[in-house]
Amino acid sequence: MPLVSQFRGISIYMYTEPDARHRLPHFHAYYSEYEASFAISPPVLLEGSLPRTQLRLVLAWAELYQVELEDNWQRTQLGQPSQRIPGL
């Protein structure tokens, strides 16, 4: 699994999509038994759920690292390894 970042108990992953041309660039966040997917630009919750504090942390993190997330999306879809992104 392509781990992109980890911070405060939250793990961020980005996966290769079979037909990325028709998928909104996004990433997945996992915290305990919770999981959610988020659009990269603008950073918004697409589906799933996280506790309120972790949701706010993920959205703040995604706002700070939006360019890096977009770069990782491109890399991942081309089959290249993703780059680690610092946490909060």
PDB file of N, CA and C in Angstrom:
ATOM      1  N   MET A   1       0.840  -1.189   0.000  1.00  0.00           N
ATOM      2  CA  MET A   1       0.000   0.000   0.000  1.00  0.00           C
ATOM      3  C   MET A   1       0.881   1.246   0.000  1.00  0.00           C
ATOM      4  N   PRO A   2       0.572   2.199  -0.810  1.00  0.00           N
ATOM      5  CA  PRO A   2       1.389   3.416  -0.892  1.00  0.00           C
ATOM      6  C   PRO A   2       1.051   4.416   0.229  1.00  0.00           C
ATOM      7  N   LEU A   3       1.766   4.284   1.346  1.00  0.00           N
ATOM      8  CA  LEU A   3       1.601   5.206   2.464  1.00  0.00           C
ATOM      9  C   LEU A   3       2.218   6.541   2.088  1.00  0.00           C
ATOM     10  N   VAL A   4       1.449   7.616   2.223  1.00  0.00           N
ATOM     11  CA  VAL A   4       1.917   8.951   1.864  1.00  0.00           C
ATOM     12  C   VAL A   4       2.348   9.729   3.106  1.00  0.00           C
ATOM     13  N   SER A   5       1.610   9.570   4.208  1.00  0.00           N
ATOM     14  CA  SER A   5       1.933  10.316   5.418  1.00  0.00           C
ATOM     15  C   SER A   5       1.289   9.652   6.629  1.00  0.00           C
ATOM     16  N   GLN A   6       1.857   9.925   7.804  1.00  0.00           N
ATOM     17  CA  GLN A   6       1.272   9.496   9.069  1.00  0.00           C
ATOM     18  C   GLN A   6       1.474  10.609  10.081  1.00  0.00           C
ATOM     19  N   PHE A   7       0.413  10.915  10.813  1.00  0.00           N
ATOM     20  CA  PHE A   7       0.509  11.918  11.867  1.00  0.00           C
ATOM     21  C   PHE A   7      -0.663  11.752  12.821  1.00  0.00           C
ATOM     22  N   ARG A   8      -0.387  11.922  14.106  1.00  0.00           N
ATOM     23  CA  ARG A   8      -1.401  11.887  15.167  1.00  0.00           C
ATOM     24  C   ARG A   8      -2.364  10.709  15.061  1.00  0.00           C
ATOM     25  N   GLY A   9      -1.817   9.553  14.730  1.00  0.00           N
ATOM     26  CA  GLY A   9      -2.628   8.348  14.624  1.00  0.00           C
ATOM     27  C   GLY A   9      -3.383   8.192  13.321  1.00  0.00           C
ATOM     28  N   ILE A  10      -3.201   9.125  12.399  1.00  0.00           N
ATOM     29  CA  ILE A  10      -3.883   9.104  11.104  1.00  0.00           C
ATOM     30  C   ILE A  10      -2.890   8.626  10.045  1.00  0.00           C
ATOM     31  N   SER A  11      -3.327   7.709   9.192  1.00  0.00           N
ATOM     32  CA  SER A  11      -2.505   7.237   8.076  1.00  0.00           C
ATOM     33  C   SER A  11      -3.161   7.670   6.771  1.00  0.00           C
ATOM     34  N   ILE A  12      -2.347   8.212   5.872  1.00  0.00           N
ATOM     35  CA  ILE A  12      -2.826   8.697   4.579  1.00  0.00           C
ATOM     36  C   ILE A  12      -2.253   7.806   3.478  1.00  0.00           C
ATOM     37  N   TYR A  13      -3.130   7.315   2.606  1.00  0.00           N
ATOM     38  CA  TYR A  13      -2.735   6.459   1.503  1.00  0.00           C
ATOM     39  C   TYR A  13      -3.259   7.015   0.188  1.00  0.00           C
ATOM     40  N   MET A  14      -2.558   6.671  -0.879  1.00  0.00           N
ATOM     41  CA  MET A  14      -3.002   7.019  -2.222  1.00  0.00           C
ATOM     42  C   MET A  14      -2.816   5.779  -3.088  1.00  0.00           C
ATOM     43  N   TYR A  15      -3.858   5.413  -3.817  1.00  0.00           N
ATOM     44  CA  TYR A  15      -3.851   4.188  -4.600  1.00  0.00           C
ATOM     45  C   TYR A  15      -3.892   4.495  -6.093  1.00  0.00           C
ATOM     46  N   THR A  16      -3.396   3.550  -6.882  1.00  0.00           N
ATOM     47  CA  THR A  16      -3.511   3.631  -8.329  1.00  0.00           C
ATOM     48  C   THR A  16      -4.955   3.332  -8.702  1.00  0.00           C
ATOM     49  N   GLU A  17      -5.529   4.155  -9.527  1.00  0.00           N
ATOM     50  CA  GLU A  17      -6.900   3.962  -9.996  1.00  0.00           C
ATOM     51  C   GLU A  17      -6.853   3.366 -11.396  1.00  0.00           C
ATOM     52  N   PRO A  18      -7.652   2.330 -11.666  1.00  0.00           N
ATOM     53  CA  PRO A  18      -7.619   1.698 -12.991  1.00  0.00           C
ATOM     54  C   PRO A  18      -7.888   2.674 -14.138  1.00  0.00           C
ATOM     55  N   ASP A  19      -8.792   3.607 -13.943  1.00  0.00           N
ATOM     56  CA  ASP A  19      -9.093   4.589 -14.984  1.00  0.00           C
ATOM     57  C   ASP A  19      -9.120   5.972 -14.345  1.00  0.00           C
ATOM     58  N   ALA A  20      -7.934   6.482 -14.017  1.00  0.00           N
ATOM     59  CA  ALA A  20      -7.809   7.744 -13.286  1.00  0.00           C
ATOM     60  C   ALA A  20      -8.361   8.937 -14.061  1.00  0.00           C
ATOM     61  N   ARG A  21      -8.490   8.800 -15.381  1.00  0.00           N
ATOM     62  CA  ARG A  21      -9.026   9.917 -16.166  1.00  0.00           C
ATOM     63  C   ARG A  21     -10.450  10.258 -15.755  1.00  0.00           C
ATOM     64  N   HIS A  22     -11.155   9.275 -15.210  1.00  0.00           N
ATOM     65  CA  HIS A  22     -12.546   9.483 -14.851  1.00  0.00           C
ATOM     66  C   HIS A  22     -12.757   9.537 -13.342  1.00  0.00           C
ATOM     67  N   ARG A  23     -11.668   9.604 -12.571  1.00  0.00           N
ATOM     68  CA  ARG A  23     -11.753   9.679 -11.120  1.00  0.00           C
ATOM     69  C   ARG A  23     -11.202  11.013 -10.657  1.00  0.00           C
ATOM     70  N   LEU A  24     -11.866  11.591  -9.718  1.00  0.00           N
ATOM     71  CA  LEU A  24     -11.400  12.816  -9.088  1.00  0.00           C
ATOM     72  C   LEU A  24     -10.130  12.490  -8.297  1.00  0.00           C
ATOM     73  N   PRO A  25      -9.054  13.284  -8.435  1.00  0.00           N
ATOM     74  CA  PRO A  25      -7.853  13.033  -7.632  1.00  0.00           C
ATOM     75  C   PRO A  25      -8.208  13.063  -6.146  1.00  0.00           C
ATOM     76  N   HIS A  26      -7.800  12.015  -5.424  1.00  0.00           N
ATOM     77  CA  HIS A  26      -8.202  11.887  -4.031  1.00  0.00           C
ATOM     78  C   HIS A  26      -7.185  11.055  -3.252  1.00  0.00           C
ATOM     79  N   PHE A  27      -7.374  11.030  -1.944  1.00  0.00           N
ATOM     80  CA  PHE A  27      -6.560  10.203  -1.062  1.00  0.00           C
ATOM     81  C   PHE A  27      -7.463   9.619   0.011  1.00  0.00           C
ATOM     82  N   HIS A  28      -6.927   8.652   0.733  1.00  0.00           N
ATOM     83  CA  HIS A  28      -7.677   7.957   1.768  1.00  0.00           C
ATOM     84  C   HIS A  28      -7.020   8.185   3.119  1.00  0.00           C
ATOM     85  N   ALA A  29      -7.834   8.421   4.144  1.00  0.00           N
ATOM     86  CA  ALA A  29      -7.342   8.614   5.505  1.00  0.00           C
ATOM     87  C   ALA A  29      -7.948   7.538   6.406  1.00  0.00           C
ATOM     88  N   TYR A  30      -7.118   6.974   7.267  1.00  0.00           N
ATOM     89  CA  TYR A  30      -7.538   5.934   8.204  1.00  0.00           C
ATOM     90  C   TYR A  30      -7.166   6.366   9.610  1.00  0.00           C
ATOM     91  N   TYR A  31      -8.099   6.200  10.519  1.00  0.00           N
ATOM     92  CA  TYR A  31      -7.866   6.501  11.925  1.00  0.00           C
ATOM     93  C   TYR A  31      -8.666   5.491  12.735  1.00  0.00           C
ATOM     94  N   SER A  32      -7.963   4.628  13.464  1.00  0.00           N
ATOM     95  CA  SER A  32      -8.629   3.592  14.248  1.00  0.00           C
ATOM     96  C   SER A  32      -9.570   2.806  13.343  1.00  0.00           C
ATOM     97  N   GLU A  33     -10.838   2.684  13.693  1.00  0.00           N
ATOM     98  CA  GLU A  33     -11.779   1.942  12.846  1.00  0.00           C
ATOM     99  C   GLU A  33     -12.435   2.804  11.782  1.00  0.00           C
ATOM    100  N   TYR A  34     -12.048   4.072  11.683  1.00  0.00           N
ATOM    101  CA  TYR A  34     -12.647   5.009  10.731  1.00  0.00           C
ATOM    102  C   TYR A  34     -11.828   5.066   9.438  1.00  0.00           C
ATOM    103  N   GLU A  35     -12.522   5.322   8.354  1.00  0.00           N
ATOM    104  CA  GLU A  35     -11.838   5.572   7.087  1.00  0.00           C
ATOM    105  C   GLU A  35     -12.671   6.550   6.263  1.00  0.00           C
ATOM    106  N   ALA A  36     -11.964   7.351   5.466  1.00  0.00           N
ATOM    107  CA  ALA A  36     -12.633   8.358   4.651  1.00  0.00           C
ATOM    108  C   ALA A  36     -11.772   8.653   3.436  1.00  0.00           C
ATOM    109  N   SER A  37     -12.407   9.120   2.368  1.00  0.00           N
ATOM    110  CA  SER A  37     -11.665   9.570   1.196  1.00  0.00           C
ATOM    111  C   SER A  37     -11.919  11.064   1.012  1.00  0.00           C
ATOM    112  N   PHE A  38     -10.901  11.745   0.505  1.00  0.00           N
ATOM    113  CA  PHE A  38     -10.921  13.199   0.365  1.00  0.00           C
ATOM    114  C   PHE A  38     -10.469  13.605  -1.023  1.00  0.00           C
ATOM    115  N   ALA A  39     -11.149  14.580  -1.600  1.00  0.00           N
ATOM    116  CA  ALA A  39     -10.674  15.193  -2.842  1.00  0.00           C
ATOM    117  C   ALA A  39      -9.424  15.998  -2.509  1.00  0.00           C
ATOM    118  N   ILE A  40      -8.546  16.121  -3.493  1.00  0.00           N
ATOM    119  CA  ILE A  40      -7.314  16.880  -3.282  1.00  0.00           C
ATOM    120  C   ILE A  40      -7.541  18.372  -3.502  1.00  0.00           C
ATOM    121  N   SER A  41      -8.262  18.729  -4.541  1.00  0.00           N
ATOM    122  CA  SER A  41      -8.429  20.145  -4.862  1.00  0.00           C
ATOM    123  C   SER A  41      -9.875  20.449  -5.240  1.00  0.00           C
ATOM    124  N   PRO A  42     -10.563  21.166  -4.374  1.00  0.00           N
ATOM    125  CA  PRO A  42     -10.176  21.585  -3.029  1.00  0.00           C
ATOM    126  C   PRO A  42     -10.311  20.415  -2.067  1.00  0.00           C
ATOM    127  N   PRO A  43      -9.577  20.456  -0.959  1.00  0.00           N
ATOM    128  CA  PRO A  43      -9.666  19.369   0.013  1.00  0.00           C
ATOM    129  C   PRO A  43     -11.057  19.329   0.664  1.00  0.00           C
ATOM    130  N   VAL A  44     -11.812  18.300   0.334  1.00  0.00           N
ATOM    131  CA  VAL A  44     -13.141  18.088   0.922  1.00  0.00           C
ATOM    132  C   VAL A  44     -13.362  16.595   1.139  1.00  0.00           C
ATOM    133  N   LEU A  45     -14.185  16.267   2.107  1.00  0.00           N
ATOM    134  CA  LEU A  45     -14.563  14.889   2.377  1.00  0.00           C
ATOM    135  C   LEU A  45     -15.446  14.388   1.243  1.00  0.00           C
ATOM    136  N   LEU A  46     -15.087  13.243   0.652  1.00  0.00           N
ATOM    137  CA  LEU A  46     -15.888  12.650  -0.411  1.00  0.00           C
ATOM    138  C   LEU A  46     -16.831  11.586   0.136  1.00  0.00           C
ATOM    139  N   GLU A  47     -16.281  10.691   0.938  1.00  0.00           N
ATOM    140  CA  GLU A  47     -17.115   9.653   1.539  1.00  0.00           C
ATOM    141  C   GLU A  47     -16.418   9.078   2.757  1.00  0.00           C
ATOM    142  N   GLY A  48     -17.195   8.405   3.586  1.00  0.00           N
ATOM    143  CA  GLY A  48     -16.665   7.855   4.820  1.00  0.00           C
ATOM    144  C   GLY A  48     -16.787   8.863   5.946  1.00  0.00           C
ATOM    145  N   SER A  49     -16.101   8.578   7.042  1.00  0.00           N
ATOM    146  CA  SER A  49     -16.164   9.489   8.187  1.00  0.00           C
ATOM    147  C   SER A  49     -14.925   9.339   9.056  1.00  0.00           C
ATOM    148  N   LEU A  50     -14.623  10.411   9.750  1.00  0.00           N
ATOM    149  CA  LEU A  50     -13.587  10.462  10.776  1.00  0.00           C
ATOM    150  C   LEU A  50     -14.166  11.242  11.950  1.00  0.00           C
ATOM    151  N   PRO A  51     -13.648  11.028  13.160  1.00  0.00           N
ATOM    152  CA  PRO A  51     -14.071  11.899  14.258  1.00  0.00           C
ATOM    153  C   PRO A  51     -13.756  13.359  13.919  1.00  0.00           C
ATOM    154  N   ARG A  52     -14.507  14.262  14.496  1.00  0.00           N
ATOM    155  CA  ARG A  52     -14.410  15.688  14.162  1.00  0.00           C
ATOM    156  C   ARG A  52     -12.972  16.226  14.229  1.00  0.00           C
ATOM    157  N   THR A  53     -12.250  15.927  15.296  1.00  0.00           N
ATOM    158  CA  THR A  53     -10.878  16.443  15.439  1.00  0.00           C
ATOM    159  C   THR A  53      -9.985  15.932  14.319  1.00  0.00           C
ATOM    160  N   GLN A  54     -10.055  14.642  14.023  1.00  0.00           N
ATOM    161  CA  GLN A  54      -9.218  14.069  12.970  1.00  0.00           C
ATOM    162  C   GLN A  54      -9.639  14.573  11.597  1.00  0.00           C
ATOM    163  N   LEU A  55     -10.915  14.786  11.392  1.00  0.00           N
ATOM    164  CA  LEU A  55     -11.392  15.361  10.134  1.00  0.00           C
ATOM    165  C   LEU A  55     -10.782  16.734   9.915  1.00  0.00           C
ATOM    166  N   ARG A  56     -10.813  17.553  10.939  1.00  0.00           N
ATOM    167  CA  ARG A  56     -10.218  18.899  10.824  1.00  0.00           C
ATOM    168  C   ARG A  56      -8.720  18.832  10.575  1.00  0.00           C
ATOM    169  N   LEU A  57      -8.030  17.901  11.253  1.00  0.00           N
ATOM    170  CA  LEU A  57      -6.585  17.758  11.047  1.00  0.00           C
ATOM    171  C   LEU A  57      -6.269  17.347   9.607  1.00  0.00           C
ATOM    172  N   VAL A  58      -7.009  16.380   9.077  1.00  0.00           N
ATOM    173  CA  VAL A  58      -6.760  15.926   7.710  1.00  0.00           C
ATOM    174  C   VAL A  58      -7.015  17.050   6.715  1.00  0.00           C
ATOM    175  N   LEU A  59      -8.097  17.796   6.891  1.00  0.00           N
ATOM    176  CA  LEU A  59      -8.392  18.901   5.968  1.00  0.00           C
ATOM    177  C   LEU A  59      -7.332  19.999   6.050  1.00  0.00           C
ATOM    178  N   ALA A  60      -6.870  20.316   7.254  1.00  0.00           N
ATOM    179  CA  ALA A  60      -5.811  21.325   7.411  1.00  0.00           C
ATOM    180  C   ALA A  60      -4.512  20.837   6.765  1.00  0.00           C
ATOM    181  N   TRP A  61      -4.186  19.573   6.992  1.00  0.00           N
ATOM    182  CA  TRP A  61      -2.980  18.989   6.401  1.00  0.00           C
ATOM    183  C   TRP A  61      -3.060  19.018   4.875  1.00  0.00           C
ATOM    184  N   ALA A  62      -4.210  18.629   4.334  1.00  0.00           N
ATOM    185  CA  ALA A  62      -4.380  18.598   2.869  1.00  0.00           C
ATOM    186  C   ALA A  62      -4.280  19.998   2.270  1.00  0.00           C
ATOM    187  N   GLU A  63      -4.759  20.979   2.976  1.00  0.00           N
ATOM    188  CA  GLU A  63      -4.649  22.367   2.505  1.00  0.00           C
ATOM    189  C   GLU A  63      -3.181  22.791   2.449  1.00  0.00           C
ATOM    190  N   LEU A  64      -2.421  22.429   3.481  1.00  0.00           N
ATOM    191  CA  LEU A  64      -0.993  22.787   3.531  1.00  0.00           C
ATOM    192  C   LEU A  64      -0.173  22.086   2.448  1.00  0.00           C
ATOM    193  N   TYR A  65      -0.530  20.862   2.141  1.00  0.00           N
ATOM    194  CA  TYR A  65       0.272  20.041   1.227  1.00  0.00           C
ATOM    195  C   TYR A  65      -0.456  19.711  -0.068  1.00  0.00           C
ATOM    196  N   GLN A  66      -1.300  20.604  -0.511  1.00  0.00           N
ATOM    197  CA  GLN A  66      -2.093  20.368  -1.715  1.00  0.00           C
ATOM    198  C   GLN A  66      -1.214  20.125  -2.947  1.00  0.00           C
ATOM    199  N   VAL A  67      -0.178  20.905  -3.127  1.00  0.00           N
ATOM    200  CA  VAL A  67       0.713  20.741  -4.294  1.00  0.00           C
ATOM    201  C   VAL A  67       1.390  19.374  -4.243  1.00  0.00           C
ATOM    202  N   GLU A  68       1.868  18.967  -3.067  1.00  0.00           N
ATOM    203  CA  GLU A  68       2.520  17.675  -2.924  1.00  0.00           C
ATOM    204  C   GLU A  68       1.535  16.530  -3.169  1.00  0.00           C
ATOM    205  N   LEU A  69       0.296  16.697  -2.713  1.00  0.00           N
ATOM    206  CA  LEU A  69      -0.726  15.684  -2.960  1.00  0.00           C
ATOM    207  C   LEU A  69      -1.020  15.555  -4.451  1.00  0.00           C
ATOM    208  N   GLU A  70      -1.142  16.684  -5.136  1.00  0.00           N
ATOM    209  CA  GLU A  70      -1.389  16.645  -6.577  1.00  0.00           C
ATOM    210  C   GLU A  70      -0.233  15.968  -7.313  1.00  0.00           C
ATOM    211  N   ASP A  71       0.997  16.275  -6.899  1.00  0.00           N
ATOM    212  CA  ASP A  71       2.163  15.637  -7.496  1.00  0.00           C
ATOM    213  C   ASP A  71       2.140  14.124  -7.248  1.00  0.00           C
ATOM    214  N   ASN A  72       1.824  13.723  -6.024  1.00  0.00           N
ATOM    215  CA  ASN A  72       1.754  12.296  -5.709  1.00  0.00           C
ATOM    216  C   ASN A  72       0.647  11.603  -6.485  1.00  0.00           C
ATOM    217  N   TRP A  73      -0.473  12.281  -6.698  1.00  0.00           N
ATOM    218  CA  TRP A  73      -1.553  11.685  -7.496  1.00  0.00           C
ATOM    219  C   TRP A  73      -1.028  11.350  -8.896  1.00  0.00           C
ATOM    220  N   GLN A  74      -0.347  12.314  -9.514  1.00  0.00           N
ATOM    221  CA  GLN A  74       0.197  12.088 -10.853  1.00  0.00           C
ATOM    222  C   GLN A  74       1.198  10.941 -10.846  1.00  0.00           C
ATOM    223  N   ARG A  75       2.101  10.943  -9.885  1.00  0.00           N
ATOM    224  CA  ARG A  75       3.117   9.892  -9.791  1.00  0.00           C
ATOM    225  C   ARG A  75       2.460   8.519  -9.626  1.00  0.00           C
ATOM    226  N   THR A  76       1.515   8.435  -8.718  1.00  0.00           N
ATOM    227  CA  THR A  76       0.851   7.160  -8.437  1.00  0.00           C
ATOM    228  C   THR A  76       0.123   6.635  -9.663  1.00  0.00           C
ATOM    229  N   GLN A  77      -0.562   7.509 -10.373  1.00  0.00           N
ATOM    230  CA  GLN A  77      -1.323   7.078 -11.553  1.00  0.00           C
ATOM    231  C   GLN A  77      -0.410   6.649 -12.698  1.00  0.00           C
ATOM    232  N   LEU A  78       0.827   7.122 -12.691  1.00  0.00           N
ATOM    233  CA  LEU A  78       1.806   6.714 -13.704  1.00  0.00           C
ATOM    234  C   LEU A  78       2.584   5.475 -13.273  1.00  0.00           C
ATOM    235  N   GLY A  79       2.227   4.926 -12.111  1.00  0.00           N
ATOM    236  CA  GLY A  79       2.899   3.740 -11.616  1.00  0.00           C
ATOM    237  C   GLY A  79       4.213   4.018 -10.930  1.00  0.00           C
ATOM    238  N   GLN A  80       4.491   5.282 -10.644  1.00  0.00           N
ATOM    239  CA  GLN A  80       5.719   5.659  -9.951  1.00  0.00           C
ATOM    240  C   GLN A  80       5.466   5.668  -8.445  1.00  0.00           C
ATOM    241  N   PRO A  81       6.499   5.473  -7.643  1.00  0.00           N
ATOM    242  CA  PRO A  81       6.307   5.490  -6.196  1.00  0.00           C
ATOM    243  C   PRO A  81       5.937   6.894  -5.711  1.00  0.00           C
ATOM    244  N   SER A  82       5.075   6.945  -4.728  1.00  0.00           N
ATOM    245  CA  SER A  82       4.690   8.239  -4.158  1.00  0.00           C
ATOM    246  C   SER A  82       5.806   8.726  -3.234  1.00  0.00           C
ATOM    247  N   GLN A  83       5.823  10.009  -3.011  1.00  0.00           N
ATOM    248  CA  GLN A  83       6.785  10.638  -2.115  1.00  0.00           C
ATOM    249  C   GLN A  83       6.123  10.837  -0.761  1.00  0.00           C
ATOM    250  N   ARG A  84       6.875  10.648   0.305  1.00  0.00           N
ATOM    251  CA  ARG A  84       6.333  10.890   1.642  1.00  0.00           C
ATOM    252  C   ARG A  84       6.107  12.386   1.824  1.00  0.00           C
ATOM    253  N   ILE A  85       5.035  12.707   2.518  1.00  0.00           N
ATOM    254  CA  ILE A  85       4.671  14.093   2.835  1.00  0.00           C
ATOM    255  C   ILE A  85       4.708  14.236   4.343  1.00  0.00           C
ATOM    256  N   PRO A  86       5.322  15.302   4.864  1.00  0.00           N
ATOM    257  CA  PRO A  86       5.357  15.470   6.322  1.00  0.00           C
ATOM    258  C   PRO A  86       3.961  15.550   6.921  1.00  0.00           C
ATOM    259  N   GLY A  87       3.858  15.200   8.164  1.00  0.00           N
ATOM    260  CA  GLY A  87       2.594  15.315   8.888  1.00  0.00           C
ATOM    261  C   GLY A  87       2.479  16.653   9.585  1.00  0.00           C
ATOM    262  N   LEU A  88       1.484  16.761  10.419  1.00  0.00           N
ATOM    263  CA  LEU A  88       1.292  17.988  11.203  1.00  0.00           C
ATOM    264  C   LEU A  88       1.998  17.882  12.526  1.00  0.00           C
TER     265      LEU A  88
END
